[in-house]
Amino acid sequence: LVTGVQTCALPIFKSSAVQTVLAAAGVNPMSLDAPVQLRAPLPGQDGEESIHYLGASPVPDTNWLVITVIPEADFLGTIETSTQRLALGLLVLVISIGIVALLTSERLIDAPVKALAAQIQHIEALDFARVGTVGSNIREVRHLSVSMQRMSRALNAIVRFLPRELVS
């Protein structure tokens, strides 16, 4: 019986776990004439049950049966580790993209809107000299800024002919 990298000189019938797996799969070791591959729970080296791959193959012209038992974790463990690393890397990437998007949106949207709010406060205080155009990559913000500047000029023209107390 070969399990992992260890070799045991035990006859197949002394390994009751392998016998049970073969019997459950309907395989009679005495009449096996072609190789068989199975996936089944077996007790591991630590005594706990885990999934193993079992291959049984008869040796021609003998009564011998070669059985190979490989714990699933021996070759899937690296895949699981790689999957966990990939998931962690993707999580870091998504968080990084989110932070970059947040900082970019602050620069592209929040700052121009705050500047427009400051322009409105200048118009409200009738301080038309401080009203200017707010630069932005967003077309709507530029249009609003130009409209506010025009409104400021119109209000300035009205304030020239009316007393400030009446306008405010």
Protein backbone atom coordinates (compact mmCIF):
# COMPACT_ATOMS: atom_id res chain seq x y z
CA LEU A 1 0.00 0.00 0.00
CA VAL A 2 1.45 3.35 -1.03
CA THR A 3 0.13 6.41 0.76
CA GLY A 4 1.68 9.79 0.00
CA VAL A 5 5.41 9.13 -0.12
CA GLN A 6 5.42 6.33 2.44
CA THR A 7 5.49 2.68 1.46
CA CYS A 8 3.99 -0.04 3.61
CA ALA A 9 4.58 -3.74 3.08
CA LEU A 10 1.08 -4.60 4.28
CA PRO A 11 -1.13 -6.82 2.14
CA ILE A 12 -4.16 -5.01 0.75
CA PHE A 13 -6.57 -6.89 2.95
CA LYS A 14 -4.94 -5.58 6.12
CA SER A 15 -5.96 -2.04 5.12
CA SER A 16 -9.62 -2.12 6.03
CA ALA A 17 -10.21 1.51 4.96
CA VAL A 18 -9.08 0.75 1.38
CA GLN A 19 -11.12 -2.49 1.43
CA THR A 20 -14.18 -0.53 2.52
CA VAL A 21 -13.72 2.04 -0.25
CA LEU A 22 -13.29 -0.64 -2.90
CA ALA A 23 -16.33 -2.55 -1.63
CA ALA A 24 -18.45 0.62 -1.50
CA ALA A 25 -17.55 1.29 -5.14
CA GLY A 26 -18.50 -2.26 -6.07
CA VAL A 27 -14.92 -3.27 -6.87
CA ASN A 28 -13.87 -6.83 -6.00
CA PRO A 29 -10.07 -6.76 -5.60
CA MET A 30 -9.81 -10.48 -6.45
CA SER A 31 -11.52 -10.13 -9.83
CA LEU A 32 -10.15 -6.75 -10.90
CA ASP A 33 -9.03 -6.94 -14.53
CA ALA A 34 -8.71 -3.21 -15.40
CA PRO A 35 -7.42 -0.15 -13.53
CA VAL A 36 -9.94 1.66 -11.30
CA GLN A 37 -9.77 5.23 -9.99
CA LEU A 38 -11.84 6.41 -7.02
CA ARG A 39 -12.23 9.50 -4.86
CA ALA A 40 -13.19 8.69 -1.29
CA PRO A 41 -12.80 9.76 2.33
CA LEU A 42 -10.06 7.84 4.14
CA PRO A 43 -8.31 8.34 7.45
CA GLY A 44 -5.15 10.40 6.96
CA GLN A 45 -1.79 10.10 8.68
CA ASP A 46 -3.09 12.28 11.51
CA GLY A 47 -6.07 9.96 12.02
CA GLU A 48 -8.63 12.46 10.72
CA GLU A 49 -10.74 11.59 7.72
CA SER A 50 -9.95 13.48 4.52
CA ILE A 51 -10.53 13.04 0.81
CA HIS A 52 -8.07 10.75 -0.97
CA TYR A 53 -7.69 9.64 -4.57
CA LEU A 54 -7.31 5.89 -4.87
CA GLY A 55 -6.07 4.05 -7.93
CA ALA A 56 -6.15 0.25 -8.10
CA SER A 57 -4.53 -1.64 -10.93
CA PRO A 58 -3.92 -5.38 -11.32
CA VAL A 59 -0.40 -6.59 -12.13
CA PRO A 60 -0.63 -8.98 -15.13
CA ASP A 61 0.20 -12.68 -14.60
CA THR A 62 0.19 -12.33 -10.80
CA ASN A 63 -2.30 -12.12 -7.97
CA TRP A 64 -0.98 -8.73 -7.12
CA LEU A 65 -2.90 -5.50 -7.01
CA VAL A 66 -1.09 -2.15 -7.00
CA ILE A 67 -3.02 0.46 -5.06
CA THR A 68 -2.02 4.10 -4.94
CA VAL A 69 -3.58 6.40 -2.36
CA ILE A 70 -2.91 10.13 -2.60
CA PRO A 71 -4.38 12.69 -0.21
CA GLU A 72 -6.29 15.39 -2.11
CA ALA A 73 -4.54 18.10 -0.12
CA ASP A 74 -1.14 17.04 -1.51
CA PHE A 75 -1.90 18.41 -4.95
CA LEU A 76 -4.91 20.69 -4.37
CA GLY A 77 -3.37 22.50 -1.40
CA THR A 78 -1.27 24.73 -3.64
CA ILE A 79 -4.33 25.55 -5.76
CA GLU A 80 -6.30 26.55 -2.66
CA THR A 81 -3.39 28.68 -1.44
CA SER A 82 -3.10 30.34 -4.85
CA THR A 83 -6.85 30.98 -4.89
CA GLN A 84 -6.67 32.64 -1.47
CA ARG A 85 -3.76 34.80 -2.59
CA LEU A 86 -5.63 35.76 -5.75
CA ALA A 87 -8.74 36.70 -3.74
CA LEU A 88 -6.64 38.83 -1.38
CA GLY A 89 -4.90 40.51 -4.32
CA LEU A 90 -8.23 41.27 -5.97
CA LEU A 91 -9.56 42.72 -2.71
CA VAL A 92 -6.53 45.02 -2.43
CA LEU A 93 -6.94 46.02 -6.09
CA VAL A 94 -10.64 46.83 -5.68
CA ILE A 95 -9.97 48.89 -2.54
CA SER A 96 -7.14 50.74 -4.32
CA ILE A 97 -9.36 51.51 -7.31
CA GLY A 98 -12.05 52.75 -4.92
CA ILE A 99 -9.63 55.09 -3.17
CA VAL A 100 -8.36 56.45 -6.48
CA ALA A 101 -11.95 56.95 -7.69
CA LEU A 102 -12.83 58.74 -4.47
CA LEU A 103 -9.85 61.10 -4.72
CA THR A 104 -10.49 61.74 -8.41
CA SER A 105 -14.17 62.47 -7.85
CA GLU A 106 -13.24 64.90 -5.08
CA ARG A 107 -10.95 66.76 -7.46
CA LEU A 108 -13.28 66.65 -10.46
CA ILE A 109 -16.67 67.16 -8.79
CA ASP A 110 -16.45 68.28 -5.19
CA ALA A 111 -13.89 71.07 -5.58
CA PRO A 112 -15.71 72.83 -8.48
CA VAL A 113 -19.06 72.57 -6.66
CA LYS A 114 -17.51 74.13 -3.56
CA ALA A 115 -16.09 76.92 -5.73
CA LEU A 116 -19.57 77.51 -7.21
CA ALA A 117 -20.99 77.72 -3.67
CA ALA A 118 -18.36 80.34 -2.85
CA GLN A 119 -19.36 82.28 -5.99
CA ILE A 120 -23.01 82.23 -4.82
CA GLN A 121 -21.94 83.66 -1.46
CA HIS A 122 -20.12 86.50 -3.25
CA ILE A 123 -23.25 87.25 -5.30
CA GLU A 124 -25.38 87.12 -2.15
CA ALA A 125 -23.03 89.66 -0.49
CA LEU A 126 -23.24 91.81 -3.66
CA ASP A 127 -19.46 91.50 -4.02
CA PHE A 128 -19.55 91.15 -7.80
CA ALA A 129 -15.85 91.90 -8.27
CA ARG A 130 -14.96 88.52 -6.68
CA VAL A 131 -17.26 86.50 -8.95
CA GLY A 132 -15.26 84.69 -11.62
CA THR A 133 -15.40 81.62 -13.81
CA VAL A 134 -14.91 78.25 -12.14
CA GLY A 135 -12.81 75.93 -14.26
CA SER A 136 -13.91 72.31 -14.48
CA ASN A 137 -13.73 69.30 -16.77
CA ILE A 138 -17.47 68.85 -16.27
CA ARG A 139 -19.44 70.74 -18.91
CA GLU A 140 -22.45 71.37 -16.67
CA VAL A 141 -20.28 72.96 -13.99
CA ARG A 142 -18.68 75.26 -16.60
CA HIS A 143 -22.13 76.23 -17.93
CA LEU A 144 -23.38 76.97 -14.42
CA SER A 145 -20.28 79.06 -13.70
CA VAL A 146 -20.75 81.12 -16.85
CA SER A 147 -24.46 81.59 -16.03
CA MET A 148 -23.60 82.75 -12.52
CA GLN A 149 -21.08 85.22 -13.91
CA ARG A 150 -23.73 86.63 -16.28
CA MET A 151 -26.23 86.84 -13.42
CA SER A 152 -23.60 88.65 -11.38
CA ARG A 153 -23.07 91.24 -14.13
CA ALA A 154 -26.84 91.74 -14.51
CA LEU A 155 -27.30 92.20 -10.75
CA ASN A 156 -24.34 94.58 -10.71
CA ALA A 157 -26.04 96.70 -13.40
CA ILE A 158 -29.27 96.79 -11.34
CA VAL A 159 -27.40 97.68 -8.14
CA ARG A 160 -25.84 100.71 -9.89
CA PHE A 161 -29.26 102.31 -10.39
CA LEU A 162 -30.92 101.20 -7.14
CA PRO A 163 -29.83 101.76 -3.59
CA ARG A 164 -27.98 98.72 -2.11
CA GLU A 165 -30.37 98.57 0.84
CA LEU A 166 -33.26 98.04 -1.53
CA VAL A 167 -31.48 95.25 -3.47
CA SER A 168 -30.26 93.32 -0.46
